Amino acid sequence: MRRVILCCLLWVITATNVNAWWAYDDPKALFSIKQRRNSTIRVTWQYTNHVLAACNAQNRSIGKEPMSPYTIACAVWEDNNCLIITSKRAQIHTLGHEIRHCFFGTWHP
């Protein structure tokens, strides 16, 4: 009986996290502007062949933790400056996702 309960609990947690992922990464999802960091941000876009290395170097320079090995882009912000790092062939959705980080900080779960 314990196994059944644990399996059900694990399934619920997994399903909830998957739904949370789609909720914040859906390009058509609406979001509130009330939680933005600032209305005026200076955004710089850097593109590279080595996204993870560039993101980790930027994070290290401001005392943040390394990025996930699955990182395909990042936004690193300090005050009203935000640096977006992508590969040389980035999707518009990826760029928009990172722009949102510039204005909202760490906004997804």
N, C-alpha and C. Protein backbone atom coordinates (compact mmCIF):
# COMPACT_ATOMS: atom_id res chain seq x y z
N MET A 1 0.81 -1.20 0.00
CA MET A 1 0.00 0.00 0.00
C MET A 1 0.86 1.26 0.00
N ARG A 2 1.96 1.22 0.77
CA ARG A 2 2.86 2.37 0.81
C ARG A 2 3.44 2.67 -0.57
N ARG A 3 3.79 1.62 -1.29
CA ARG A 3 4.35 1.79 -2.64
C ARG A 3 3.35 2.48 -3.56
N VAL A 4 2.11 2.08 -3.46
CA VAL A 4 1.07 2.68 -4.30
C VAL A 4 0.93 4.16 -3.98
N ILE A 5 0.92 4.49 -2.70
CA ILE A 5 0.80 5.89 -2.30
C ILE A 5 2.01 6.68 -2.77
N LEU A 6 3.20 6.12 -2.57
CA LEU A 6 4.41 6.81 -3.01
C LEU A 6 4.44 6.99 -4.52
N CYS A 7 4.03 5.97 -5.25
CA CYS A 7 4.00 6.08 -6.71
C CYS A 7 3.00 7.15 -7.16
N CYS A 8 1.84 7.18 -6.52
CA CYS A 8 0.83 8.20 -6.85
C CYS A 8 1.35 9.59 -6.54
N LEU A 9 2.00 9.75 -5.40
CA LEU A 9 2.56 11.04 -5.01
C LEU A 9 3.65 11.47 -6.01
N LEU A 10 4.51 10.56 -6.38
CA LEU A 10 5.54 10.86 -7.36
C LEU A 10 4.93 11.27 -8.69
N TRP A 11 3.91 10.58 -9.10
CA TRP A 11 3.23 10.93 -10.36
C TRP A 11 2.63 12.32 -10.30
N VAL A 12 1.99 12.68 -9.19
CA VAL A 12 1.38 14.01 -9.03
C VAL A 12 2.45 15.09 -9.06
N ILE A 13 3.55 14.87 -8.37
CA ILE A 13 4.64 15.86 -8.36
C ILE A 13 5.21 16.04 -9.76
N THR A 14 5.44 14.95 -10.45
CA THR A 14 5.97 15.02 -11.82
C THR A 14 4.99 15.73 -12.74
N ALA A 15 3.72 15.38 -12.68
CA ALA A 15 2.73 16.01 -13.54
C ALA A 15 2.61 17.50 -13.25
N THR A 16 2.69 17.87 -11.99
CA THR A 16 2.61 19.28 -11.61
C THR A 16 3.80 20.04 -12.15
N ASN A 17 4.99 19.48 -12.05
CA ASN A 17 6.18 20.17 -12.54
C ASN A 17 6.17 20.29 -14.05
N VAL A 18 5.70 19.28 -14.75
CA VAL A 18 5.60 19.36 -16.20
C VAL A 18 4.62 20.46 -16.59
N ASN A 19 3.48 20.54 -15.90
CA ASN A 19 2.52 21.60 -16.20
C ASN A 19 3.10 22.97 -15.90
N ALA A 20 3.87 23.08 -14.82
CA ALA A 20 4.49 24.37 -14.49
C ALA A 20 5.48 24.76 -15.59
N TRP A 21 6.23 23.79 -16.12
CA TRP A 21 7.18 24.07 -17.20
C TRP A 21 6.45 24.66 -18.40
N TRP A 22 5.38 24.04 -18.83
CA TRP A 22 4.66 24.53 -20.00
C TRP A 22 4.00 25.87 -19.73
N ALA A 23 3.59 26.10 -18.49
CA ALA A 23 2.92 27.37 -18.17
C ALA A 23 3.87 28.54 -18.33
N TYR A 24 5.14 28.39 -17.95
CA TYR A 24 6.03 29.55 -18.05
C TYR A 24 6.80 29.59 -19.35
N ASP A 25 6.82 28.55 -20.11
CA ASP A 25 7.57 28.57 -21.36
C ASP A 25 6.66 28.57 -22.58
N ASP A 26 5.38 28.74 -22.39
CA ASP A 26 4.42 28.82 -23.49
C ASP A 26 4.51 30.22 -24.10
N PRO A 27 4.87 30.35 -25.37
CA PRO A 27 5.04 31.68 -25.96
C PRO A 27 3.74 32.49 -26.03
N LYS A 28 2.60 31.83 -25.85
CA LYS A 28 1.32 32.54 -25.89
C LYS A 28 0.77 32.82 -24.49
N ALA A 29 1.48 32.39 -23.45
CA ALA A 29 1.00 32.60 -22.09
C ALA A 29 1.09 34.08 -21.73
N LEU A 30 0.06 34.56 -21.05
CA LEU A 30 0.04 35.95 -20.60
C LEU A 30 0.70 36.05 -19.23
N PHE A 31 1.28 37.21 -18.94
CA PHE A 31 1.88 37.42 -17.63
C PHE A 31 1.65 38.86 -17.19
N SER A 32 1.70 39.08 -15.89
CA SER A 32 1.46 40.40 -15.32
C SER A 32 2.74 41.23 -15.37
N ILE A 33 2.61 42.53 -15.62
CA ILE A 33 3.79 43.40 -15.62
C ILE A 33 4.08 43.97 -14.24
N LYS A 34 3.26 43.65 -13.26
CA LYS A 34 3.41 44.21 -11.92
C LYS A 34 4.72 43.79 -11.25
N GLN A 35 5.26 42.65 -11.61
CA GLN A 35 6.44 42.13 -10.92
C GLN A 35 7.74 42.45 -11.64
N ARG A 36 7.73 43.36 -12.57
CA ARG A 36 8.96 43.65 -13.31
C ARG A 36 9.99 44.34 -12.41
N ARG A 37 11.24 44.17 -12.75
CA ARG A 37 12.33 44.78 -11.99
C ARG A 37 12.38 46.27 -12.23
N ASN A 38 12.19 46.68 -13.48
CA ASN A 38 12.30 48.07 -13.86
C ASN A 38 11.69 48.24 -15.25
N SER A 39 11.32 49.44 -15.60
CA SER A 39 10.77 49.68 -16.94
C SER A 39 11.84 50.03 -17.95
N THR A 40 13.00 50.47 -17.46
CA THR A 40 14.10 50.86 -18.34
C THR A 40 15.31 49.98 -18.02
N ILE A 41 15.67 49.16 -18.97
CA ILE A 41 16.80 48.25 -18.82
C ILE A 41 17.69 48.40 -20.06
N ARG A 42 18.99 48.47 -19.86
CA ARG A 42 19.94 48.48 -20.99
C ARG A 42 20.27 47.02 -21.31
N VAL A 43 19.88 46.58 -22.50
CA VAL A 43 20.07 45.19 -22.90
C VAL A 43 21.20 45.09 -23.93
N THR A 44 22.11 44.19 -23.68
CA THR A 44 23.19 43.89 -24.62
C THR A 44 23.04 42.43 -25.02
N TRP A 45 23.17 42.16 -26.32
CA TRP A 45 23.03 40.79 -26.82
C TRP A 45 24.39 40.33 -27.32
N GLN A 46 24.87 39.25 -26.73
CA GLN A 46 26.14 38.64 -27.14
C GLN A 46 25.84 37.26 -27.69
N TYR A 47 26.42 36.92 -28.82
CA TYR A 47 26.23 35.58 -29.36
C TYR A 47 27.58 34.91 -29.50
N THR A 48 27.56 33.60 -29.30
CA THR A 48 28.81 32.84 -29.21
C THR A 48 28.60 31.40 -29.66
N ASN A 49 29.68 30.71 -29.92
CA ASN A 49 29.62 29.27 -30.21
C ASN A 49 29.62 28.44 -28.91
N HIS A 50 29.93 29.09 -27.79
CA HIS A 50 30.08 28.37 -26.52
C HIS A 50 29.21 29.03 -25.45
N VAL A 51 27.90 28.84 -25.57
CA VAL A 51 26.92 29.51 -24.71
C VAL A 51 27.15 29.18 -23.24
N LEU A 52 27.25 27.91 -22.91
CA LEU A 52 27.38 27.52 -21.50
C LEU A 52 28.63 28.13 -20.88
N ALA A 53 29.75 28.08 -21.56
CA ALA A 53 30.99 28.65 -21.02
C ALA A 53 30.85 30.16 -20.82
N ALA A 54 30.24 30.85 -21.78
CA ALA A 54 30.07 32.30 -21.67
C ALA A 54 29.11 32.66 -20.53
N CYS A 55 28.01 31.90 -20.40
CA CYS A 55 27.05 32.15 -19.32
C CYS A 55 27.70 31.91 -17.96
N ASN A 56 28.44 30.82 -17.84
CA ASN A 56 29.10 30.52 -16.57
C ASN A 56 30.15 31.56 -16.22
N ALA A 57 30.88 32.05 -17.21
CA ALA A 57 31.88 33.09 -16.96
C ALA A 57 31.21 34.37 -16.44
N GLN A 58 30.10 34.75 -17.05
CA GLN A 58 29.37 35.94 -16.59
C GLN A 58 28.82 35.73 -15.20
N ASN A 59 28.24 34.57 -14.94
CA ASN A 59 27.70 34.29 -13.61
C ASN A 59 28.79 34.32 -12.55
N ARG A 60 29.95 33.74 -12.87
CA ARG A 60 31.07 33.76 -11.94
C ARG A 60 31.49 35.19 -11.61
N SER A 61 31.48 36.05 -12.63
CA SER A 61 31.95 37.43 -12.44
C SER A 61 31.07 38.22 -11.47
N ILE A 62 29.82 37.80 -11.27
CA ILE A 62 28.95 38.50 -10.32
C ILE A 62 28.57 37.62 -9.13
N GLY A 63 29.29 36.51 -8.96
CA GLY A 63 29.10 35.67 -7.79
C GLY A 63 27.89 34.75 -7.82
N LYS A 64 27.38 34.43 -9.02
CA LYS A 64 26.24 33.52 -9.13
C LYS A 64 26.72 32.10 -9.42
N GLU A 65 25.81 31.16 -9.19
CA GLU A 65 26.08 29.73 -9.41
C GLU A 65 26.21 29.42 -10.90
N PRO A 66 26.91 28.33 -11.26
CA PRO A 66 26.99 27.91 -12.67
C PRO A 66 25.62 27.53 -13.21
N MET A 67 25.47 27.61 -14.51
CA MET A 67 24.22 27.29 -15.17
C MET A 67 24.11 25.77 -15.37
N SER A 68 22.90 25.34 -15.67
CA SER A 68 22.64 23.93 -15.98
C SER A 68 23.39 23.55 -17.26
N PRO A 69 23.85 22.31 -17.37
CA PRO A 69 24.54 21.89 -18.60
C PRO A 69 23.61 21.91 -19.82
N TYR A 70 22.30 22.05 -19.61
CA TYR A 70 21.35 22.09 -20.72
C TYR A 70 21.06 23.51 -21.19
N THR A 71 21.78 24.48 -20.66
CA THR A 71 21.56 25.88 -20.98
C THR A 71 21.78 26.15 -22.47
N ILE A 72 20.79 26.79 -23.11
CA ILE A 72 20.93 27.17 -24.51
C ILE A 72 21.02 28.69 -24.67
N ALA A 73 20.80 29.42 -23.57
CA ALA A 73 20.92 30.88 -23.56
C ALA A 73 20.81 31.31 -22.10
N CYS A 74 21.19 32.56 -21.84
CA CYS A 74 21.03 33.08 -20.48
C CYS A 74 20.92 34.59 -20.52
N ALA A 75 20.41 35.12 -19.44
CA ALA A 75 20.38 36.57 -19.22
C ALA A 75 21.02 36.80 -17.86
N VAL A 76 22.02 37.65 -17.84
CA VAL A 76 22.73 37.97 -16.61
C VAL A 76 22.51 39.46 -16.37
N TRP A 77 21.94 39.82 -15.21
CA TRP A 77 21.60 41.21 -14.98
C TRP A 77 22.21 41.71 -13.68
N GLU A 78 22.50 42.99 -13.72
CA GLU A 78 22.98 43.71 -12.56
C GLU A 78 22.47 45.13 -12.69
N ASP A 79 21.80 45.60 -11.66
CA ASP A 79 21.20 46.93 -11.67
C ASP A 79 20.28 47.06 -12.89
N ASN A 80 20.51 48.04 -13.75
CA ASN A 80 19.67 48.24 -14.94
C ASN A 80 20.35 47.77 -16.21
N ASN A 81 21.36 46.93 -16.08
CA ASN A 81 22.06 46.37 -17.24
C ASN A 81 21.78 44.88 -17.31
N CYS A 82 21.55 44.42 -18.53
CA CYS A 82 21.25 43.01 -18.73
C CYS A 82 22.01 42.51 -19.96
N LEU A 83 22.73 41.44 -19.80
CA LEU A 83 23.46 40.81 -20.89
C LEU A 83 22.78 39.51 -21.25
N ILE A 84 22.37 39.40 -22.51
CA ILE A 84 21.77 38.16 -23.02
C ILE A 84 22.83 37.45 -23.85
N ILE A 85 23.00 36.16 -23.59
CA ILE A 85 23.96 35.36 -24.33
C ILE A 85 23.21 34.23 -25.01
N THR A 86 23.37 34.11 -26.33
CA THR A 86 22.76 33.03 -27.11
C THR A 86 23.80 32.46 -28.06
N SER A 87 23.40 31.41 -28.74
CA SER A 87 24.24 30.91 -29.83
C SER A 87 24.09 31.85 -31.03
N LYS A 88 24.90 31.65 -32.03
CA LYS A 88 24.84 32.51 -33.21
C LYS A 88 23.57 32.29 -34.02
N ARG A 89 22.89 31.20 -33.79
CA ARG A 89 21.62 30.91 -34.46
C ARG A 89 20.55 30.66 -33.40
N ALA A 90 20.00 31.73 -32.87
CA ALA A 90 19.02 31.63 -31.78
C ALA A 90 17.61 31.75 -32.34
N GLN A 91 16.67 31.11 -31.66
CA GLN A 91 15.25 31.24 -32.01
C GLN A 91 14.68 32.50 -31.37
N ILE A 92 13.67 33.09 -31.99
CA ILE A 92 13.04 34.28 -31.46
C ILE A 92 12.42 34.00 -30.09
N HIS A 93 11.90 32.81 -29.88
CA HIS A 93 11.33 32.45 -28.59
C HIS A 93 12.40 32.47 -27.50
N THR A 94 13.59 31.98 -27.82
CA THR A 94 14.68 31.98 -26.85
C THR A 94 15.08 33.41 -26.49
N LEU A 95 15.19 34.27 -27.48
CA LEU A 95 15.56 35.66 -27.23
C LEU A 95 14.48 36.35 -26.39
N GLY A 96 13.22 36.12 -26.71
CA GLY A 96 12.13 36.71 -25.92
C GLY A 96 12.13 36.21 -24.49
N HIS A 97 12.40 34.93 -24.30
CA HIS A 97 12.48 34.34 -22.97
C HIS A 97 13.55 35.06 -22.14
N GLU A 98 14.70 35.28 -22.75
CA GLU A 98 15.80 35.93 -22.03
C GLU A 98 15.52 37.41 -21.80
N ILE A 99 14.87 38.07 -22.74
CA ILE A 99 14.47 39.47 -22.54
C ILE A 99 13.56 39.58 -21.32
N ARG A 100 12.67 38.61 -21.19
CA ARG A 100 11.77 38.63 -20.03
C ARG A 100 12.57 38.55 -18.74
N HIS A 101 13.64 37.76 -18.72
CA HIS A 101 14.51 37.70 -17.54
C HIS A 101 15.10 39.08 -17.25
N CYS A 102 15.46 39.82 -18.29
CA CYS A 102 16.03 41.15 -18.07
C CYS A 102 15.05 42.03 -17.30
N PHE A 103 13.78 41.95 -17.62
CA PHE A 103 12.79 42.80 -16.98
C PHE A 103 12.21 42.23 -15.69
N PHE A 104 12.19 40.90 -15.57
CA PHE A 104 11.53 40.27 -14.42
C PHE A 104 12.48 39.51 -13.52
N GLY A 105 13.74 39.37 -13.88
CA GLY A 105 14.66 38.59 -13.07
C GLY A 105 14.37 37.10 -13.20
N THR A 106 14.52 36.39 -12.10
CA THR A 106 14.26 34.94 -12.08
C THR A 106 12.76 34.76 -11.95
N TRP A 107 12.07 34.60 -13.05
CA TRP A 107 10.60 34.60 -13.03
C TRP A 107 9.97 33.22 -13.12
N HIS A 108 10.70 32.21 -13.50
CA HIS A 108 10.05 30.89 -13.57
C HIS A 108 10.51 30.01 -12.42
N PRO A 109 9.70 28.96 -12.13
CA PRO A 109 10.00 28.08 -10.99
C PRO A 109 11.33 27.37 -11.12
